[in-house]
Amino acid sequence: MNRYDNSTIEITPTTGRQYYKQKYYPNIPLSETDEYVITTIGDRLDTLAYSYYRDSTLWWVISMANNNVTKGSIFPEPGTQLRIPTNINAVLSLYNQYNTTR
């Protein structure tokens, strides 16, 4: 894993200099409304995120909600049960809170 995988490149407005800013991901609590799927051959976290959230960049939500997914991979093993959090607004609110207060 690259040391900058959880980072974004930011630019200082006054000087234009670039720097890396760490991204923090929240723990995603269980919810009664969460959905569960069993993966099949060809499933990917980004396509599942698009199916449920209409945004493939939210693949990390599914990854963080499931300890049985290899971190850093978007390919879950076929036959794996995945929890799909349905309270996406709450998850994104937590994410924004974690990343604006640090």
N, C-alpha and C. Protein backbone atom coordinates (compact mmCIF):
# COMPACT_ATOMS: atom_id res chain seq x y z
N MET A 1 0.85 -1.18 0.00
CA MET A 1 0.00 0.00 0.00
C MET A 1 0.89 1.24 0.00
N ASN A 2 0.60 2.17 -0.85
CA ASN A 2 1.34 3.41 -0.96
C ASN A 2 1.02 4.31 0.24
N ARG A 3 2.01 4.98 0.77
CA ARG A 3 1.79 5.83 1.94
C ARG A 3 0.86 7.00 1.67
N TYR A 4 0.64 7.34 0.41
CA TYR A 4 -0.22 8.47 0.06
C TYR A 4 -1.60 8.03 -0.45
N ASP A 5 -1.94 6.75 -0.31
CA ASP A 5 -3.23 6.26 -0.80
C ASP A 5 -4.41 6.97 -0.16
N ASN A 6 -4.31 7.33 1.10
CA ASN A 6 -5.42 8.00 1.79
C ASN A 6 -5.20 9.51 1.85
N SER A 7 -4.59 10.05 0.82
CA SER A 7 -4.28 11.48 0.79
C SER A 7 -4.82 12.13 -0.47
N THR A 8 -5.03 13.42 -0.37
CA THR A 8 -5.37 14.21 -1.55
C THR A 8 -4.32 15.31 -1.67
N ILE A 9 -4.14 15.80 -2.87
CA ILE A 9 -3.22 16.89 -3.08
C ILE A 9 -4.00 18.19 -2.95
N GLU A 10 -3.55 19.04 -2.03
CA GLU A 10 -4.17 20.33 -1.79
C GLU A 10 -3.21 21.42 -2.27
N ILE A 11 -3.73 22.58 -2.55
CA ILE A 11 -2.91 23.71 -2.99
C ILE A 11 -3.15 24.88 -2.05
N THR A 12 -2.05 25.44 -1.53
CA THR A 12 -2.15 26.61 -0.66
C THR A 12 -2.57 27.80 -1.50
N PRO A 13 -3.69 28.46 -1.17
CA PRO A 13 -4.20 29.56 -2.00
C PRO A 13 -3.23 30.74 -2.15
N THR A 14 -2.51 31.05 -1.09
CA THR A 14 -1.64 32.23 -1.15
C THR A 14 -0.36 32.00 -1.92
N THR A 15 0.22 30.79 -1.80
CA THR A 15 1.51 30.54 -2.45
C THR A 15 1.41 29.63 -3.67
N GLY A 16 0.31 28.89 -3.78
CA GLY A 16 0.17 27.94 -4.89
C GLY A 16 0.96 26.66 -4.69
N ARG A 17 1.55 26.48 -3.52
CA ARG A 17 2.33 25.27 -3.24
C ARG A 17 1.40 24.09 -2.98
N GLN A 18 1.82 22.93 -3.42
CA GLN A 18 1.03 21.71 -3.23
C GLN A 18 1.50 20.97 -1.98
N TYR A 19 0.54 20.29 -1.33
CA TYR A 19 0.87 19.44 -0.19
C TYR A 19 -0.15 18.32 -0.12
N TYR A 20 0.22 17.24 0.57
CA TYR A 20 -0.69 16.12 0.75
C TYR A 20 -1.51 16.32 2.02
N LYS A 21 -2.81 16.03 1.92
CA LYS A 21 -3.69 16.11 3.07
C LYS A 21 -4.30 14.73 3.29
N GLN A 22 -4.16 14.21 4.50
CA GLN A 22 -4.67 12.89 4.86
C GLN A 22 -6.19 12.87 4.84
N LYS A 23 -6.78 11.79 4.32
CA LYS A 23 -8.22 11.59 4.37
C LYS A 23 -8.53 10.60 5.50
N TYR A 24 -9.60 10.86 6.22
CA TYR A 24 -10.02 9.99 7.31
C TYR A 24 -11.40 9.42 6.99
N TYR A 25 -11.53 8.10 7.19
CA TYR A 25 -12.80 7.44 6.90
C TYR A 25 -13.46 7.02 8.20
N PRO A 26 -14.77 7.26 8.33
CA PRO A 26 -15.46 6.92 9.59
C PRO A 26 -15.80 5.44 9.67
N ASN A 27 -15.97 4.97 10.89
CA ASN A 27 -16.57 3.66 11.08
C ASN A 27 -18.05 3.82 10.76
N ILE A 28 -18.59 2.86 10.07
CA ILE A 28 -19.98 2.97 9.63
C ILE A 28 -20.85 2.08 10.51
N PRO A 29 -21.69 2.70 11.34
CA PRO A 29 -22.51 1.91 12.27
C PRO A 29 -23.57 1.09 11.54
N LEU A 30 -23.94 -0.01 12.18
CA LEU A 30 -25.02 -0.84 11.65
C LEU A 30 -26.33 -0.07 11.70
N SER A 31 -27.19 -0.38 10.75
CA SER A 31 -28.51 0.23 10.72
C SER A 31 -29.51 -0.85 10.35
N GLU A 32 -30.71 -0.73 10.87
CA GLU A 32 -31.76 -1.69 10.53
C GLU A 32 -32.13 -1.65 9.06
N THR A 33 -31.82 -0.54 8.41
CA THR A 33 -32.19 -0.40 6.99
C THR A 33 -31.10 -0.88 6.04
N ASP A 34 -29.93 -1.29 6.57
CA ASP A 34 -28.86 -1.77 5.70
C ASP A 34 -29.35 -2.94 4.86
N GLU A 35 -28.82 -3.02 3.65
CA GLU A 35 -29.15 -4.14 2.77
C GLU A 35 -27.96 -5.07 2.69
N TYR A 36 -28.20 -6.31 2.37
CA TYR A 36 -27.15 -7.31 2.27
C TYR A 36 -27.24 -7.98 0.91
N VAL A 37 -26.07 -8.20 0.30
CA VAL A 37 -26.01 -8.88 -0.99
C VAL A 37 -24.93 -9.96 -0.92
N ILE A 38 -25.08 -10.97 -1.73
CA ILE A 38 -24.05 -12.00 -1.91
C ILE A 38 -23.41 -11.71 -3.27
N THR A 39 -22.09 -11.55 -3.27
CA THR A 39 -21.41 -11.19 -4.51
C THR A 39 -21.31 -12.37 -5.46
N THR A 40 -21.24 -12.04 -6.73
CA THR A 40 -21.05 -13.04 -7.78
C THR A 40 -19.80 -12.67 -8.58
N ILE A 41 -19.40 -13.53 -9.48
CA ILE A 41 -18.24 -13.27 -10.32
C ILE A 41 -18.46 -11.98 -11.10
N GLY A 42 -17.49 -11.11 -11.07
CA GLY A 42 -17.57 -9.85 -11.81
C GLY A 42 -18.05 -8.67 -11.00
N ASP A 43 -18.56 -8.91 -9.78
CA ASP A 43 -18.98 -7.78 -8.94
C ASP A 43 -17.76 -6.96 -8.54
N ARG A 44 -17.96 -5.65 -8.49
CA ARG A 44 -16.92 -4.72 -8.05
C ARG A 44 -17.58 -3.73 -7.11
N LEU A 45 -16.80 -3.21 -6.17
CA LEU A 45 -17.37 -2.28 -5.20
C LEU A 45 -17.84 -0.99 -5.87
N ASP A 46 -17.13 -0.53 -6.90
CA ASP A 46 -17.55 0.71 -7.56
C ASP A 46 -18.86 0.53 -8.34
N THR A 47 -19.06 -0.63 -8.95
CA THR A 47 -20.33 -0.84 -9.66
C THR A 47 -21.48 -1.05 -8.68
N LEU A 48 -21.20 -1.69 -7.56
CA LEU A 48 -22.24 -1.82 -6.53
C LEU A 48 -22.60 -0.45 -5.96
N ALA A 49 -21.59 0.39 -5.72
CA ALA A 49 -21.85 1.74 -5.22
C ALA A 49 -22.69 2.52 -6.22
N TYR A 50 -22.42 2.36 -7.49
CA TYR A 50 -23.22 3.06 -8.50
C TYR A 50 -24.66 2.53 -8.48
N SER A 51 -24.82 1.24 -8.33
CA SER A 51 -26.17 0.64 -8.31
C SER A 51 -26.99 1.15 -7.13
N TYR A 52 -26.36 1.30 -5.98
CA TYR A 52 -27.09 1.70 -4.77
C TYR A 52 -27.12 3.20 -4.54
N TYR A 53 -26.04 3.90 -4.91
CA TYR A 53 -25.93 5.33 -4.59
C TYR A 53 -25.90 6.24 -5.82
N ARG A 54 -25.84 5.65 -7.00
CA ARG A 54 -25.70 6.42 -8.26
C ARG A 54 -24.41 7.23 -8.28
N ASP A 55 -23.38 6.72 -7.57
CA ASP A 55 -22.07 7.39 -7.52
C ASP A 55 -21.01 6.32 -7.28
N SER A 56 -20.24 5.98 -8.30
CA SER A 56 -19.25 4.92 -8.18
C SER A 56 -18.09 5.30 -7.26
N THR A 57 -17.87 6.60 -7.01
CA THR A 57 -16.77 7.01 -6.15
C THR A 57 -17.05 6.70 -4.67
N LEU A 58 -18.25 6.30 -4.37
CA LEU A 58 -18.60 5.95 -2.98
C LEU A 58 -18.34 4.47 -2.67
N TRP A 59 -17.50 3.82 -3.48
CA TRP A 59 -17.16 2.42 -3.24
C TRP A 59 -16.55 2.22 -1.85
N TRP A 60 -15.88 3.25 -1.35
CA TRP A 60 -15.23 3.15 -0.04
C TRP A 60 -16.24 2.95 1.08
N VAL A 61 -17.48 3.41 0.89
CA VAL A 61 -18.52 3.22 1.92
C VAL A 61 -18.77 1.73 2.12
N ILE A 62 -18.91 1.01 1.01
CA ILE A 62 -19.14 -0.44 1.09
C ILE A 62 -17.91 -1.13 1.66
N SER A 63 -16.74 -0.70 1.24
CA SER A 63 -15.50 -1.29 1.74
C SER A 63 -15.36 -1.11 3.25
N MET A 64 -15.61 0.11 3.73
CA MET A 64 -15.47 0.39 5.16
C MET A 64 -16.54 -0.31 6.00
N ALA A 65 -17.67 -0.61 5.41
CA ALA A 65 -18.75 -1.27 6.14
C ALA A 65 -18.54 -2.78 6.27
N ASN A 66 -17.56 -3.30 5.54
CA ASN A 66 -17.36 -4.75 5.50
C ASN A 66 -15.92 -5.11 5.82
N ASN A 67 -15.72 -5.77 6.96
CA ASN A 67 -14.37 -6.20 7.33
C ASN A 67 -13.89 -7.39 6.50
N ASN A 68 -14.80 -8.04 5.80
CA ASN A 68 -14.43 -9.22 5.03
C ASN A 68 -13.97 -8.88 3.60
N VAL A 69 -13.80 -7.60 3.31
CA VAL A 69 -13.32 -7.16 2.00
C VAL A 69 -11.85 -6.80 2.14
N THR A 70 -11.03 -7.28 1.23
CA THR A 70 -9.61 -6.94 1.25
C THR A 70 -9.45 -5.45 1.02
N LYS A 71 -8.85 -4.75 1.99
CA LYS A 71 -8.67 -3.30 1.87
C LYS A 71 -7.74 -3.00 0.70
N GLY A 72 -8.09 -1.97 -0.06
CA GLY A 72 -7.30 -1.59 -1.21
C GLY A 72 -7.72 -2.29 -2.48
N SER A 73 -8.73 -3.15 -2.40
CA SER A 73 -9.22 -3.86 -3.58
C SER A 73 -10.68 -3.53 -3.81
N ILE A 74 -11.07 -3.39 -5.06
CA ILE A 74 -12.49 -3.16 -5.36
C ILE A 74 -13.18 -4.45 -5.79
N PHE A 75 -12.44 -5.57 -5.76
CA PHE A 75 -12.97 -6.85 -6.19
C PHE A 75 -13.24 -7.76 -5.01
N PRO A 76 -14.49 -7.87 -4.55
CA PRO A 76 -14.78 -8.82 -3.47
C PRO A 76 -14.78 -10.25 -4.01
N GLU A 77 -14.45 -11.18 -3.15
CA GLU A 77 -14.48 -12.59 -3.55
C GLU A 77 -15.92 -12.98 -3.87
N PRO A 78 -16.15 -13.74 -4.95
CA PRO A 78 -17.51 -14.23 -5.23
C PRO A 78 -18.03 -15.05 -4.05
N GLY A 79 -19.28 -14.85 -3.72
CA GLY A 79 -19.90 -15.56 -2.60
C GLY A 79 -19.78 -14.84 -1.27
N THR A 80 -19.19 -13.66 -1.26
CA THR A 80 -19.04 -12.88 -0.04
C THR A 80 -20.32 -12.11 0.26
N GLN A 81 -20.75 -12.15 1.51
CA GLN A 81 -21.91 -11.34 1.91
C GLN A 81 -21.41 -9.94 2.21
N LEU A 82 -22.02 -8.94 1.58
CA LEU A 82 -21.66 -7.55 1.80
C LEU A 82 -22.83 -6.78 2.40
N ARG A 83 -22.50 -5.94 3.34
CA ARG A 83 -23.50 -5.03 3.91
C ARG A 83 -23.44 -3.74 3.11
N ILE A 84 -24.58 -3.27 2.64
CA ILE A 84 -24.68 -2.02 1.89
C ILE A 84 -25.40 -1.01 2.78
N PRO A 85 -24.67 -0.05 3.35
CA PRO A 85 -25.33 0.95 4.18
C PRO A 85 -26.29 1.79 3.34
N THR A 86 -27.50 1.95 3.83
CA THR A 86 -28.49 2.73 3.08
C THR A 86 -28.60 4.16 3.60
N ASN A 87 -28.00 4.42 4.75
CA ASN A 87 -28.04 5.78 5.32
C ASN A 87 -26.84 6.59 4.81
N ILE A 88 -26.73 6.71 3.49
CA ILE A 88 -25.56 7.31 2.86
C ILE A 88 -25.36 8.77 3.28
N ASN A 89 -26.43 9.50 3.49
CA ASN A 89 -26.29 10.91 3.92
C ASN A 89 -25.61 11.01 5.28
N ALA A 90 -25.96 10.11 6.19
CA ALA A 90 -25.32 10.11 7.50
C ALA A 90 -23.85 9.74 7.39
N VAL A 91 -23.53 8.78 6.54
CA VAL A 91 -22.14 8.37 6.35
C VAL A 91 -21.32 9.52 5.76
N LEU A 92 -21.86 10.18 4.75
CA LEU A 92 -21.15 11.30 4.13
C LEU A 92 -21.01 12.48 5.09
N SER A 93 -21.99 12.67 5.95
CA SER A 93 -21.89 13.72 6.96
C SER A 93 -20.75 13.42 7.92
N LEU A 94 -20.64 12.17 8.35
CA LEU A 94 -19.53 11.76 9.22
C LEU A 94 -18.19 11.96 8.51
N TYR A 95 -18.12 11.54 7.25
CA TYR A 95 -16.89 11.70 6.47
C TYR A 95 -16.48 13.17 6.39
N ASN A 96 -17.44 14.03 6.07
CA ASN A 96 -17.13 15.46 5.97
C ASN A 96 -16.72 16.03 7.32
N GLN A 97 -17.37 15.58 8.37
CA GLN A 97 -17.02 16.03 9.73
C GLN A 97 -15.59 15.63 10.07
N TYR A 98 -15.22 14.39 9.77
CA TYR A 98 -13.86 13.90 10.05
C TYR A 98 -12.82 14.67 9.27
N ASN A 99 -13.15 15.09 8.06
CA ASN A 99 -12.14 15.66 7.18
C ASN A 99 -12.13 17.19 7.15
N THR A 100 -13.04 17.84 7.84
CA THR A 100 -12.99 19.30 7.90
C THR A 100 -12.53 19.79 9.27
N THR A 101 -12.54 18.93 10.27
CA THR A 101 -12.14 19.35 11.60
C THR A 101 -10.69 19.00 11.91
N ARG A 102 -9.98 18.39 11.01
CA ARG A 102 -8.59 17.98 11.27
C ARG A 102 -7.63 18.87 10.54
